[in-house]
Structures are given as C-alpha cells and as structure tokens.
Protein backbone atom coordinates (compact mmCIF):
# COMPACT_ATOMS: atom_id res chain seq x y z
CA MET A 1 19.37 -32.51 -34.91
CA ARG A 2 20.48 -29.05 -35.16
CA ILE A 3 16.88 -27.69 -35.22
CA PHE A 4 16.34 -29.51 -31.87
CA MET A 5 19.64 -27.95 -30.59
CA PHE A 6 18.43 -24.66 -31.79
CA ILE A 7 15.16 -25.01 -29.95
CA GLY A 8 16.80 -26.21 -27.03
CA GLY A 9 19.03 -23.22 -26.90
CA LEU A 10 16.23 -20.81 -27.42
CA CYS A 11 14.35 -22.27 -24.56
CA VAL A 12 17.44 -22.12 -22.40
CA ALA A 13 17.96 -18.39 -23.39
CA GLY A 14 14.51 -17.52 -22.69
CA ALA A 15 14.52 -19.38 -19.30
CA ALA A 16 17.66 -17.31 -18.32
CA ALA A 17 15.89 -14.05 -19.69
CA ALA A 18 12.80 -14.71 -17.65
CA TRP A 19 15.06 -15.49 -14.44
CA VAL A 20 16.75 -12.13 -14.95
CA LEU A 21 13.56 -10.16 -15.55
CA SER A 22 11.69 -11.50 -12.59
CA ALA A 23 14.63 -10.95 -10.14
CA PRO A 24 13.62 -8.91 -7.11
CA ASP A 25 14.78 -5.32 -7.21
CA VAL A 26 16.52 -3.77 -4.19
CA THR A 27 17.63 -0.45 -3.10
CA ASP A 28 21.13 0.70 -3.93
CA PRO A 29 23.10 -0.04 -0.74
CA ALA A 30 25.10 3.24 -1.23
CA LEU A 31 21.90 5.30 -1.16
CA PRO A 32 22.53 8.04 1.64
CA VAL A 33 19.65 7.15 3.92
CA PRO A 34 18.28 10.23 6.07
CA MET A 35 18.13 10.07 9.81
CA GLY A 36 14.54 9.49 10.96
CA ASP A 37 12.29 11.41 13.35
CA ALA A 38 9.90 9.48 15.21
CA ALA A 39 7.63 12.04 16.03
CA ARG A 40 7.18 12.96 12.23
CA GLY A 41 7.12 9.11 11.64
CA ALA A 42 3.97 8.92 13.90
CA LEU A 43 2.02 10.97 11.35
CA VAL A 44 3.36 8.78 8.55
CA PHE A 45 2.38 5.63 10.37
CA THR A 46 -1.19 6.95 10.86
CA ALA A 47 -1.62 8.31 7.26
CA ALA A 48 -0.44 4.89 5.78
CA GLY A 49 -2.78 3.04 8.12
CA CYS A 50 -0.14 0.60 9.36
CA ALA A 51 -2.00 -0.33 12.40
CA SER A 52 -5.29 -0.82 10.87
CA CYS A 53 -3.86 -3.91 9.01
CA HIS A 54 -1.07 -5.09 11.22
CA VAL A 55 -2.44 -5.14 14.93
CA ALA A 56 -4.15 -8.58 15.78
CA PRO A 57 -7.75 -9.24 14.66
CA GLY A 58 -10.25 -7.51 17.26
CA ALA A 59 -7.44 -5.75 18.94
CA THR A 60 -8.48 -2.23 20.47
CA GLU A 61 -6.71 0.93 19.41
CA THR A 62 -4.06 2.01 21.72
CA ALA A 63 -1.26 4.78 21.79
CA GLN A 64 1.17 2.26 21.42
CA PRO A 65 -0.28 -0.47 18.97
CA VAL A 66 1.10 -4.10 19.13
CA LEU A 67 1.75 -4.95 15.36
CA SER A 68 1.53 -8.83 15.80
CA GLY A 69 -0.25 -9.22 12.56
CA GLY A 70 -3.00 -11.94 11.57
CA GLN A 71 -5.76 -10.00 10.09
CA ARG A 72 -6.90 -11.82 7.08
CA PHE A 73 -7.77 -10.29 3.64
CA ALA A 74 -9.62 -12.21 0.94
CA SER A 75 -8.96 -11.70 -2.61
CA ASP A 76 -9.56 -13.60 -5.95
CA PHE A 77 -5.90 -14.86 -5.48
CA GLY A 78 -6.19 -16.25 -2.15
CA THR A 79 -6.26 -15.10 1.50
CA PHE A 80 -3.59 -12.83 2.50
CA ILE A 81 -2.56 -12.57 6.27
CA ALA A 82 -0.90 -9.64 7.60
CA PRO A 83 2.34 -10.34 9.17
CA ASN A 84 4.04 -9.47 12.29
CA ILE A 85 5.89 -6.10 11.86
CA SER A 86 6.70 -5.37 15.36
CA THR A 87 10.04 -4.62 16.89
CA ASP A 88 10.63 -8.32 17.65
CA VAL A 89 14.01 -9.32 16.17
CA ASP A 90 13.06 -12.86 15.42
CA GLN A 91 9.44 -12.62 14.56
CA GLY A 92 8.85 -8.96 13.55
CA ILE A 93 10.98 -6.48 11.90
CA GLY A 94 13.00 -5.40 14.69
CA ALA A 95 16.30 -6.33 12.97
CA TRP A 96 15.59 -4.14 9.90
CA SER A 97 17.43 -1.11 8.62
CA THR A 98 15.92 1.75 7.08
CA LEU A 99 17.46 0.55 4.05
CA ASP A 100 15.44 -2.75 4.37
CA LEU A 101 12.24 -0.98 4.88
CA LEU A 102 12.82 1.29 2.03
CA THR A 103 13.25 -1.84 -0.34
CA ALA A 104 10.22 -3.37 1.03
CA LEU A 105 7.99 -0.36 0.53
CA ARG A 106 9.52 0.77 -3.01
CA HIS A 107 10.41 -2.41 -4.54
CA GLY A 108 8.27 -5.02 -2.68
CA THR A 109 11.33 -7.00 -1.85
CA SER A 110 12.13 -8.60 1.50
CA PRO A 111 15.53 -8.41 3.27
CA ALA A 112 16.20 -12.08 2.17
CA GLY A 113 15.68 -11.04 -1.45
CA GLN A 114 12.01 -12.38 -1.89
CA HIS A 115 9.14 -10.90 -3.66
CA TYR A 116 6.38 -9.61 -1.39
CA TYR A 117 2.88 -9.92 -2.58
CA PRO A 118 1.20 -6.76 -3.55
CA ALA A 119 -1.31 -7.27 -0.63
CA LEU A 120 1.26 -5.09 1.06
CA PRO A 121 0.44 -1.91 -1.08
CA TYR A 122 3.90 -1.19 -2.43
CA ALA A 123 2.55 -0.11 -5.72
CA ALA A 124 1.46 3.02 -3.87
CA TYR A 125 4.26 3.10 -1.14
CA SER A 126 6.87 3.27 -4.07
CA ARG A 127 5.95 6.86 -4.06
CA MET A 128 7.09 7.61 -0.64
CA THR A 129 9.81 9.96 -0.07
CA ASP A 130 13.06 8.65 1.53
CA THR A 131 12.59 10.99 4.60
CA ASP A 132 9.07 9.75 5.27
CA VAL A 133 10.27 6.13 4.98
CA ALA A 134 13.13 6.94 7.47
CA ASP A 135 10.79 8.69 9.72
CA LEU A 136 8.42 5.63 9.76
CA ARG A 137 11.19 3.25 10.62
CA ALA A 138 12.04 5.57 13.62
CA TYR A 139 8.57 5.49 14.93
CA LEU A 140 8.25 1.81 14.29
CA ALA A 141 11.02 1.35 16.55
CA THR A 142 9.35 3.12 19.55
CA LEU A 143 6.60 0.43 19.31
CA PRO A 144 6.33 -2.97 21.48
CA ALA A 145 7.93 -6.14 20.46
CA ASP A 146 5.61 -9.06 20.14
CA ALA A 147 6.91 -12.85 19.42
CA THR A 148 3.74 -14.05 17.53
CA PRO A 149 4.92 -15.71 14.44
CA SER A 150 3.59 -14.49 11.07
CA GLN A 151 1.10 -16.96 9.53
CA PRO A 152 1.69 -18.07 5.82
CA HIS A 153 -0.69 -16.44 3.19
CA GLU A 154 -3.34 -19.02 1.90
CA VAL A 155 -2.40 -18.72 -1.72
CA GLY A 156 -2.55 -21.62 -4.36
CA PHE A 157 -0.77 -22.53 -7.45
CA PRO A 158 0.33 -20.85 -9.52
CA PHE A 159 -0.11 -17.67 -7.35
CA ASN A 160 2.23 -19.15 -4.92
CA ILE A 161 5.02 -18.97 -7.42
CA ARG A 162 6.41 -15.92 -5.79
CA ARG A 163 9.21 -15.46 -8.66
CA ALA A 164 6.31 -14.74 -11.04
CA LEU A 165 5.72 -11.45 -9.08
CA GLY A 166 8.58 -9.99 -10.86
CA PHE A 167 6.58 -10.11 -14.11
CA TRP A 168 3.56 -8.36 -12.23
CA LYS A 169 5.99 -5.68 -11.04
CA LEU A 170 7.07 -5.22 -14.63
CA LEU A 171 3.75 -4.47 -15.72
CA PHE A 172 2.19 -2.64 -12.69
CA LEU A 173 4.71 -1.08 -10.39
CA ARG A 174 5.08 2.42 -11.29
CA GLU A 175 6.45 5.55 -9.46
CA ASP A 176 4.75 8.11 -11.60
CA TRP A 177 1.86 10.00 -10.47
CA VAL A 178 -1.78 9.41 -11.88
CA LEU A 179 -2.56 12.97 -11.48
CA ALA A 180 0.28 14.26 -13.37
CA ASP A 181 -0.33 18.01 -12.66
CA ALA A 182 -0.38 19.36 -9.09
CA PRO A 183 0.04 23.06 -9.48
CA THR A 184 -0.24 23.97 -5.83
CA PRO A 185 1.18 22.79 -2.74
CA GLU A 186 -2.16 21.93 -1.53
CA LEU A 187 -2.82 19.68 -4.48
CA GLU A 188 0.76 18.11 -4.34
CA ARG A 189 0.17 17.29 -0.84
CA GLY A 190 -3.26 15.66 -1.45
CA ARG A 191 -1.76 13.86 -4.14
CA TYR A 192 0.91 12.45 -2.09
CA ILE A 193 -1.52 11.46 0.81
CA VAL A 194 -4.08 9.75 -1.79
CA GLU A 195 -1.91 8.25 -4.24
CA ALA A 196 1.12 7.14 -2.01
CA LEU A 197 0.55 7.31 1.94
CA ALA A 198 -3.11 6.41 2.33
CA HIS A 199 -3.14 4.25 -0.75
CA CYS A 200 -6.73 4.89 -1.70
CA GLY A 201 -6.36 3.42 -5.08
CA GLU A 202 -5.76 0.11 -3.79
CA CYS A 203 -9.46 -0.29 -2.78
CA HIS A 204 -11.27 2.43 -4.75
CA THR A 205 -9.80 1.59 -8.20
CA PRO A 206 -11.03 -1.55 -10.18
CA ARG A 207 -8.53 -4.13 -11.22
CA ASN A 208 -7.85 -6.15 -14.33
CA ALA A 209 -7.55 -9.86 -14.45
CA LEU A 210 -3.97 -9.94 -13.19
CA GLY A 211 -4.74 -7.66 -10.32
CA GLY A 212 -3.30 -4.64 -11.63
CA LEU A 213 -4.96 -1.35 -11.03
CA GLN A 214 -7.08 0.13 -14.12
CA ARG A 215 -5.53 3.63 -14.07
CA ASP A 216 -7.70 4.90 -16.61
CA ARG A 217 -10.53 4.32 -14.26
CA TRP A 218 -8.64 6.00 -11.07
CA LEU A 219 -10.79 5.89 -7.86
CA ALA A 220 -13.78 4.77 -10.04
CA GLY A 221 -14.85 2.46 -7.53
CA ALA A 222 -14.51 -1.46 -7.54
CA PRO A 223 -16.10 -4.71 -6.25
CA ASN A 224 -15.10 -5.27 -2.56
CA PRO A 225 -12.35 -8.18 -2.46
CA ASN A 226 -14.21 -10.07 0.22
CA GLY A 227 -17.22 -10.41 -2.22
CA LYS A 228 -19.75 -8.11 0.01
CA GLY A 229 -20.82 -5.14 -1.95
CA THR A 230 -18.95 -2.52 -3.79
CA ILE A 231 -16.28 -0.01 -2.93
CA PRO A 232 -17.79 3.51 -4.06
CA ASN A 233 -16.63 5.85 -6.94
CA ILE A 234 -14.89 8.97 -5.42
CA THR A 235 -14.05 10.87 -8.63
CA PRO A 236 -16.27 13.84 -9.14
CA ALA A 237 -18.72 11.41 -11.21
CA GLY A 238 -19.72 9.68 -8.11
CA LEU A 239 -18.69 11.82 -5.23
CA THR A 240 -20.58 15.15 -5.32
CA TRP A 241 -20.04 16.59 -1.98
CA SER A 242 -18.54 20.02 -1.50
CA SER A 243 -14.83 20.43 -0.48
CA ASP A 244 -16.26 21.35 3.02
CA GLU A 245 -18.33 18.17 3.07
CA ILE A 246 -15.46 15.77 2.12
CA ILE A 247 -13.27 17.42 4.90
CA GLU A 248 -16.39 17.02 7.53
CA TYR A 249 -16.58 13.35 6.43
CA LEU A 250 -12.71 12.77 6.98
CA THR A 251 -13.07 14.38 10.30
CA THR A 252 -16.17 13.11 12.03
CA GLY A 253 -17.16 10.12 9.68
CA PHE A 254 -20.83 11.77 9.13
CA THR A 255 -21.68 12.15 5.31
CA PRO A 256 -23.86 15.35 4.46
CA GLU A 257 -26.99 12.86 4.80
CA TYR A 258 -26.08 12.43 8.21
CA ASP A 259 -25.09 8.82 7.63
CA THR A 260 -22.04 7.39 9.42
CA VAL A 261 -19.03 5.90 7.90
CA GLY A 262 -18.97 2.03 7.77
CA GLY A 263 -16.75 -0.80 7.18
CA HIS A 264 -13.25 -0.47 6.70
CA MET A 265 -13.55 3.17 6.09
CA VAL A 266 -13.93 3.26 9.75
CA ALA A 267 -10.17 2.86 10.29
CA VAL A 268 -9.37 5.24 7.41
CA VAL A 269 -11.36 7.98 8.83
CA GLU A 270 -10.07 7.40 12.32
CA ASN A 271 -6.61 7.80 10.90
CA LEU A 272 -7.08 10.69 8.55
CA ALA A 273 -8.86 12.80 11.59
CA LYS A 274 -5.53 12.40 13.35
CA LEU A 275 -3.74 14.35 10.66
CA PRO A 276 -3.45 18.17 10.43
CA ASP A 277 -6.67 19.99 9.31
CA SER A 278 -4.56 20.91 6.16
CA ASP A 279 -4.07 17.24 5.27
CA ARG A 280 -7.66 16.56 5.10
CA ALA A 281 -8.23 20.01 3.01
CA ALA A 282 -5.65 18.82 0.78
CA VAL A 283 -7.17 15.28 0.30
CA ALA A 284 -10.43 17.26 -0.57
CA ALA A 285 -8.86 19.41 -3.07
CA TYR A 286 -7.37 16.28 -4.75
CA LEU A 287 -10.51 14.47 -4.88
CA LYS A 288 -12.30 17.53 -6.60
CA ALA A 289 -9.57 17.93 -9.09
CA ILE A 290 -9.24 14.27 -10.71
CA PRO A 291 -11.17 13.72 -13.89
CA LYS A 292 -14.45 11.94 -13.59
CA ALA A 293 -14.42 8.40 -14.05
CA GLU A 294 -17.56 5.96 -14.32
C-alpha cells in the first residue's frame, strides 16, 4: 500500500511541477514603460513585416493597412491563421496596453494569460527593445479598426494543448544573440534587424523535430513550410554576393544575375526598401559577418 501511495505522491508532485514550469510568463506590471512615438513605430512596423502577415489575403498595400488577419500559414504542426490585430476593441487589439504588447512579443503570452503559438515569431521579437515595442504600439493605434473575427488555428492533437507550449518555450525561447560579438554600431544594428525585427531566422534556419531553430545552422536554409521548394542558405557559404549586391537586392529586388525576387521575399524586400539606406547596409554587413553554415 505504501509503495502505491509513494508512487501516487510522486505523480501528483510531478504534475504540479509540470503545471508550474509550463505556466505562461508575463511582463512585470511594475516595469516602467516608455512613451511611444508613432513616427518611429512606423519604421518598426515595417521592419517587422507586420502588414505582410496580418492584412487580409490578397489585400493590396495601402498607407493605412487594415490588419484584419486571415492569411493561412501551413506547417508540419497544422495551419496557423493570422489573427486580427487592428485597433478594433472587441476583435482586434485596440484594448491592449503597451505592457500587453510587450508581454505578447517578449513572452508569447496573451493578455488573458494564454500561450501564443510561435507562429507569432516571439522567439525573435523577444529581443526587441522596450522603446521599439512602445513605438510600435503607438503606431498601431493610428491604423484603422476592423471587426472581422480572428479565425481559430487548424491544429490537431496534441499540438492544440497550449499549455504544452510552456515546455517549448523553456527549450527554445532565448533572448541572447546568435552572433554574440557585434563590435561596430553598424554590425549591432544589422544583428538587431536580422535576429529581432525582421526575424529572418524564422524562415532561413532549419528546425528540429520539435520546431525549435537549429542555432548551430543559423540561416543555413530550410525546407519551405508549405512544402514547395526550399528557403536558401544566406550565410557566406550560400550567399556569395558582395555587400553592395546584397544592398541592391534588398533595395530593388534584383539579383546580380538580373533575376527578380519572388515568393514571400517580395514582401520582405518591399519592407526593407522602405528603411533608411544605413539599415540595409547594416543587414549586408551582418550577413557577411556570420559564420558559414552548410
């Protein structure tokens, strides 16, 4: 009898520990949140590619994008559908505070205390500065409201158990930089854009069986999640262009071979082309500085 009681106690203790370890993390409510600047936030919004994912499918680009959501993103774990992040109070994020946005982007946690799937690339956004998040929130508040309800993700068992995402975060949610040493302001800025804002690693880095990025093969290329082709290696092992050629591509979409950008990279280039020239030069410097990976 005692052995069964002991085993039962271990099970209860293990379940309790698992519950605590998998709990969604939140931002300290006492954190001093900076005032946001919408003009600066527009650049953060553009660099982060928010409109590219959160406008309606087939929507044309406008100066005031309607972030009603609805785009579908296939993966090995199911299909994720971008939510409404417009200023609508009921269906969007109009009621969110800057602290709510900071919690979502840094910890992958909703205002209701629920884990977000990493289809929201908070594994990259977690490196964003508080100021950039505050500026982004200020800019989002200037955009139109839309009452389109968000659609549920099409994710089956066991991936629909959101509490389990707490363990995924314990394994893969990190705030340290992949390129640990950035000795110049230009390289530091390039690292910030590539590893945080533009979340380039989310597509260009292969993943393991649990969906975590293989950081030892950072930007080494990966299968396309939609099953069509591959996403290229953009380390010096696969991208042999000069810095000027990289900058030209990120500005115009033309490769040194006079080919043109295609697929999802069309939106990425359109976004990066709107940033200051110095930002594209910083990205090029970063891509030339990272280690080769096959």
